[in-house]
Amino acid sequence: MAKKSEEELLKVRLDKWLWSVRLFKSRSKATAACRNGRVRVKEAVAKPSTLIQVGEQLEIRKDGFILQFKVNKLLEKRVSATLAEPCYDNITPEEELNKFKDWFIGKAPAERREKGAGRPTKRERREIEDYKDEIYLDDWFDKQ
């Protein structure tokens, strides 16, 4: 099979492009998003096999956010993040970006246990839950 030149690459499958520019971690996740109606091309729900071309606008509902992108370059193979970045423009409205930023600000990192400590026992779990309830209730009463 001969390698395609840029001129020959006029259209690419939507799921393949979403995966190759790293908007989804795997092609199967990109395909599932398309099948579930979370991806729109030209304001119409798109199938995974939809062929996209340069200049089209995509709307992706992902993790409760509505992200919008404009296609600048077509790719069939997955590339590094630095090479993928110029392939699209993020045209998501400012309100949606603020919603995205607000969601991440103030979030604590995942809780960790010391290596080799294993799962908490029933007693430890109850102590952890009581401690968290104290902190939560204190914050709640302070706000009232």
C-alpha atoms as a PDB file:
ATOM      1  CA  MET A   1       0.000   0.000   0.000  1.00  0.00           C
ATOM      2  CA  ALA A   2       1.457   3.341  -1.042  1.00  0.00           C
ATOM      3  CA  LYS A   3       1.840   6.179   1.428  1.00  0.00           C
ATOM      4  CA  LYS A   4      -0.710   8.975   0.943  1.00  0.00           C
ATOM      5  CA  SER A   5       0.548  12.476   0.230  1.00  0.00           C
ATOM      6  CA  GLU A   6      -1.079  15.548   1.788  1.00  0.00           C
ATOM      7  CA  GLU A   7      -2.916  16.309  -1.459  1.00  0.00           C
ATOM      8  CA  GLU A   8      -4.437  12.823  -1.512  1.00  0.00           C
ATOM      9  CA  LEU A   9      -5.503  13.144   2.118  1.00  0.00           C
ATOM     10  CA  LEU A  10      -8.577  15.304   1.490  1.00  0.00           C
ATOM     11  CA  LYS A  11     -10.918  13.534   3.904  1.00  0.00           C
ATOM     12  CA  VAL A  12     -10.388  11.383   7.006  1.00  0.00           C
ATOM     13  CA  ARG A  13     -12.730   9.365   9.212  1.00  0.00           C
ATOM     14  CA  LEU A  14     -13.927  11.397  12.173  1.00  0.00           C
ATOM     15  CA  ASP A  15     -13.085   8.829  14.853  1.00  0.00           C
ATOM     16  CA  LYS A  16      -9.603   8.351  13.418  1.00  0.00           C
ATOM     17  CA  TRP A  17      -8.919  12.107  13.388  1.00  0.00           C
ATOM     18  CA  LEU A  18     -10.218  12.647  16.938  1.00  0.00           C
ATOM     19  CA  TRP A  19      -7.876   9.922  18.161  1.00  0.00           C
ATOM     20  CA  SER A  20      -4.883  11.019  16.081  1.00  0.00           C
ATOM     21  CA  VAL A  21      -4.954  14.624  17.387  1.00  0.00           C
ATOM     22  CA  ARG A  22      -5.297  13.308  20.954  1.00  0.00           C
ATOM     23  CA  LEU A  23      -8.786  14.601  21.766  1.00  0.00           C
ATOM     24  CA  PHE A  24      -9.576  11.033  22.914  1.00  0.00           C
ATOM     25  CA  LYS A  25      -7.208   8.539  24.536  1.00  0.00           C
ATOM     26  CA  SER A  26      -8.189   5.687  22.243  1.00  0.00           C
ATOM     27  CA  ARG A  27      -9.891   5.254  18.914  1.00  0.00           C
ATOM     28  CA  SER A  28     -12.550   3.086  20.533  1.00  0.00           C
ATOM     29  CA  LYS A  29     -13.425   5.945  22.924  1.00  0.00           C
ATOM     30  CA  ALA A  30     -13.677   8.340  19.982  1.00  0.00           C
ATOM     31  CA  THR A  31     -15.916   5.844  18.169  1.00  0.00           C
ATOM     32  CA  ALA A  32     -18.110   5.400  21.250  1.00  0.00           C
ATOM     33  CA  ALA A  33     -18.489   9.169  21.639  1.00  0.00           C
ATOM     34  CA  CYS A  34     -19.626   9.435  18.020  1.00  0.00           C
ATOM     35  CA  ARG A  35     -22.063   6.529  18.390  1.00  0.00           C
ATOM     36  CA  ASN A  36     -23.563   8.052  21.534  1.00  0.00           C
ATOM     37  CA  GLY A  37     -24.245  11.361  19.771  1.00  0.00           C
ATOM     38  CA  ARG A  38     -21.600  13.363  21.630  1.00  0.00           C
ATOM     39  CA  VAL A  39     -19.824  14.572  18.495  1.00  0.00           C
ATOM     40  CA  ARG A  40     -21.379  16.956  15.980  1.00  0.00           C
ATOM     41  CA  VAL A  41     -20.077  18.115  12.619  1.00  0.00           C
ATOM     42  CA  LYS A  42     -21.795  21.156  11.106  1.00  0.00           C
ATOM     43  CA  GLU A  43     -24.337  21.031  13.950  1.00  0.00           C
ATOM     44  CA  ALA A  44     -25.457  17.507  12.980  1.00  0.00           C
ATOM     45  CA  VAL A  45     -24.766  14.355  14.988  1.00  0.00           C
ATOM     46  CA  ALA A  46     -21.913  12.512  13.295  1.00  0.00           C
ATOM     47  CA  LYS A  47     -21.199   8.820  12.891  1.00  0.00           C
ATOM     48  CA  PRO A  48     -17.670   7.515  13.476  1.00  0.00           C
ATOM     49  CA  SER A  49     -17.284   6.918   9.736  1.00  0.00           C
ATOM     50  CA  THR A  50     -18.165  10.507   8.816  1.00  0.00           C
ATOM     51  CA  LEU A  51     -15.487  11.944   6.539  1.00  0.00           C
ATOM     52  CA  ILE A  52     -14.215  15.328   7.670  1.00  0.00           C
ATOM     53  CA  GLN A  53     -12.112  17.841   5.814  1.00  0.00           C
ATOM     54  CA  VAL A  54     -10.094  20.955   6.575  1.00  0.00           C
ATOM     55  CA  GLY A  55     -12.172  23.911   7.779  1.00  0.00           C
ATOM     56  CA  GLU A  56     -15.014  21.955   9.377  1.00  0.00           C
ATOM     57  CA  GLN A  57     -16.176  22.743  12.898  1.00  0.00           C
ATOM     58  CA  LEU A  58     -16.648  20.014  15.484  1.00  0.00           C
ATOM     59  CA  GLU A  59     -18.609  20.139  18.728  1.00  0.00           C
ATOM     60  CA  ILE A  60     -17.678  17.524  21.316  1.00  0.00           C
ATOM     61  CA  ARG A  61     -19.580  16.863  24.548  1.00  0.00           C
ATOM     62  CA  LYS A  62     -16.979  15.394  26.886  1.00  0.00           C
ATOM     63  CA  ASP A  63     -17.116  15.058  30.685  1.00  0.00           C
ATOM     64  CA  GLY A  64     -20.045  17.477  30.932  1.00  0.00           C
ATOM     65  CA  PHE A  65     -18.369  20.186  28.844  1.00  0.00           C
ATOM     66  CA  ILE A  66     -19.143  21.282  25.296  1.00  0.00           C
ATOM     67  CA  LEU A  67     -15.870  21.811  23.434  1.00  0.00           C
ATOM     68  CA  GLN A  68     -15.621  23.256  19.918  1.00  0.00           C
ATOM     69  CA  PHE A  69     -12.776  22.789  17.452  1.00  0.00           C
ATOM     70  CA  LYS A  70     -11.971  23.820  13.906  1.00  0.00           C
ATOM     71  CA  VAL A  71     -10.036  21.341  11.734  1.00  0.00           C
ATOM     72  CA  ASN A  72      -6.806  22.845  10.313  1.00  0.00           C
ATOM     73  CA  LYS A  73      -5.001  19.723   9.121  1.00  0.00           C
ATOM     74  CA  LEU A  74      -5.952  16.101   8.565  1.00  0.00           C
ATOM     75  CA  LEU A  75      -4.086  13.215  10.162  1.00  0.00           C
ATOM     76  CA  GLU A  76      -4.560   9.461   9.922  1.00  0.00           C
ATOM     77  CA  LYS A  77      -1.848   8.386  12.351  1.00  0.00           C
ATOM     78  CA  ARG A  78      -1.527   9.379  15.993  1.00  0.00           C
ATOM     79  CA  VAL A  79       1.196  11.966  16.571  1.00  0.00           C
ATOM     80  CA  SER A  80       2.753  13.670  19.584  1.00  0.00           C
ATOM     81  CA  ALA A  81       0.845  16.424  21.360  1.00  0.00           C
ATOM     82  CA  THR A  82       3.177  19.107  19.996  1.00  0.00           C
ATOM     83  CA  LEU A  83       2.578  17.944  16.411  1.00  0.00           C
ATOM     84  CA  ALA A  84      -1.172  17.542  16.986  1.00  0.00           C
ATOM     85  CA  GLU A  85      -1.705  21.050  18.378  1.00  0.00           C
ATOM     86  CA  PRO A  86      -1.513  22.948  15.045  1.00  0.00           C
ATOM     87  CA  CYS A  87      -3.986  20.502  13.467  1.00  0.00           C
ATOM     88  CA  TYR A  88      -6.963  22.179  15.149  1.00  0.00           C
ATOM     89  CA  ASP A  89      -8.077  25.475  16.674  1.00  0.00           C
ATOM     90  CA  ASN A  90      -9.892  25.450  19.991  1.00  0.00           C
ATOM     91  CA  ILE A  91     -12.877  27.752  19.358  1.00  0.00           C
ATOM     92  CA  THR A  92     -14.721  26.860  22.561  1.00  0.00           C
ATOM     93  CA  PRO A  93     -16.667  29.882  23.910  1.00  0.00           C
ATOM     94  CA  GLU A  94     -15.135  31.710  26.883  1.00  0.00           C
ATOM     95  CA  GLU A  95     -18.047  30.784  29.225  1.00  0.00           C
ATOM     96  CA  GLU A  96     -17.479  27.081  28.606  1.00  0.00           C
ATOM     97  CA  LEU A  97     -13.717  27.430  29.172  1.00  0.00           C
ATOM     98  CA  ASN A  98     -14.400  29.235  32.469  1.00  0.00           C
ATOM     99  CA  LYS A  99     -16.764  26.433  33.474  1.00  0.00           C
ATOM    100  CA  PHE A 100     -13.972  23.964  32.688  1.00  0.00           C
ATOM    101  CA  LYS A 101     -11.401  25.939  34.718  1.00  0.00           C
ATOM    102  CA  ASP A 102     -13.786  26.405  37.682  1.00  0.00           C
ATOM    103  CA  TRP A 103     -14.365  22.675  37.791  1.00  0.00           C
ATOM    104  CA  PHE A 104     -10.629  21.964  38.255  1.00  0.00           C
ATOM    105  CA  ILE A 105      -9.722  24.803  40.639  1.00  0.00           C
ATOM    106  CA  GLY A 106      -9.755  23.797  44.273  1.00  0.00           C
ATOM    107  CA  LYS A 107      -9.852  20.075  43.593  1.00  0.00           C
ATOM    108  CA  ALA A 108      -7.616  18.099  45.855  1.00  0.00           C
ATOM    109  CA  PRO A 109      -5.278  15.504  44.414  1.00  0.00           C
ATOM    110  CA  ALA A 110      -6.165  11.840  44.749  1.00  0.00           C
ATOM    111  CA  GLU A 111      -5.725  10.427  48.210  1.00  0.00           C
ATOM    112  CA  ARG A 112      -2.747   8.140  48.711  1.00  0.00           C
ATOM    113  CA  ARG A 113      -1.727   5.531  51.229  1.00  0.00           C
ATOM    114  CA  GLU A 114       1.815   4.535  52.008  1.00  0.00           C
ATOM    115  CA  LYS A 115       3.213   1.820  49.796  1.00  0.00           C
ATOM    116  CA  GLY A 116       2.510  -1.590  51.262  1.00  0.00           C
ATOM    117  CA  ALA A 117      -0.198  -0.315  53.627  1.00  0.00           C
ATOM    118  CA  GLY A 118      -2.948  -2.064  51.654  1.00  0.00           C
ATOM    119  CA  ARG A 119      -6.623  -1.237  51.877  1.00  0.00           C
ATOM    120  CA  PRO A 120      -7.959   0.484  54.979  1.00  0.00           C
ATOM    121  CA  THR A 121      -9.527  -1.792  57.559  1.00  0.00           C
ATOM    122  CA  LYS A 122     -13.153  -1.276  58.500  1.00  0.00           C
ATOM    123  CA  ARG A 123     -12.085   0.665  61.596  1.00  0.00           C
ATOM    124  CA  GLU A 124      -9.661   2.884  59.601  1.00  0.00           C
ATOM    125  CA  ARG A 125     -12.307   3.548  56.957  1.00  0.00           C
ATOM    126  CA  ARG A 126     -14.800   4.685  59.602  1.00  0.00           C
ATOM    127  CA  GLU A 127     -12.166   6.991  61.132  1.00  0.00           C
ATOM    128  CA  ILE A 128     -11.432   8.477  57.704  1.00  0.00           C
ATOM    129  CA  GLU A 129     -15.136   9.033  57.013  1.00  0.00           C
ATOM    130  CA  ASP A 130     -15.670  10.649  60.429  1.00  0.00           C
ATOM    131  CA  TYR A 131     -12.688  12.943  59.848  1.00  0.00           C
ATOM    132  CA  LYS A 132     -13.984  13.973  56.417  1.00  0.00           C
ATOM    133  CA  ASP A 133     -17.476  14.591  57.817  1.00  0.00           C
ATOM    134  CA  GLU A 134     -15.985  16.870  60.512  1.00  0.00           C
ATOM    135  CA  ILE A 135     -14.108  18.920  57.940  1.00  0.00           C
ATOM    136  CA  TYR A 136     -17.112  19.104  55.608  1.00  0.00           C
ATOM    137  CA  LEU A 137     -19.515  20.130  58.379  1.00  0.00           C
ATOM    138  CA  ASP A 138     -17.066  22.743  59.730  1.00  0.00           C
ATOM    139  CA  ASP A 139     -16.791  24.295  56.238  1.00  0.00           C
ATOM    140  CA  TRP A 140     -20.553  24.164  55.805  1.00  0.00           C
ATOM    141  CA  PHE A 141     -21.247  25.917  59.123  1.00  0.00           C
ATOM    142  CA  ASP A 142     -18.603  28.563  58.398  1.00  0.00           C
ATOM    143  CA  LYS A 143     -20.377  29.438  55.144  1.00  0.00           C
ATOM    144  CA  GLN A 144     -23.790  29.752  56.806  1.00  0.00           C
END
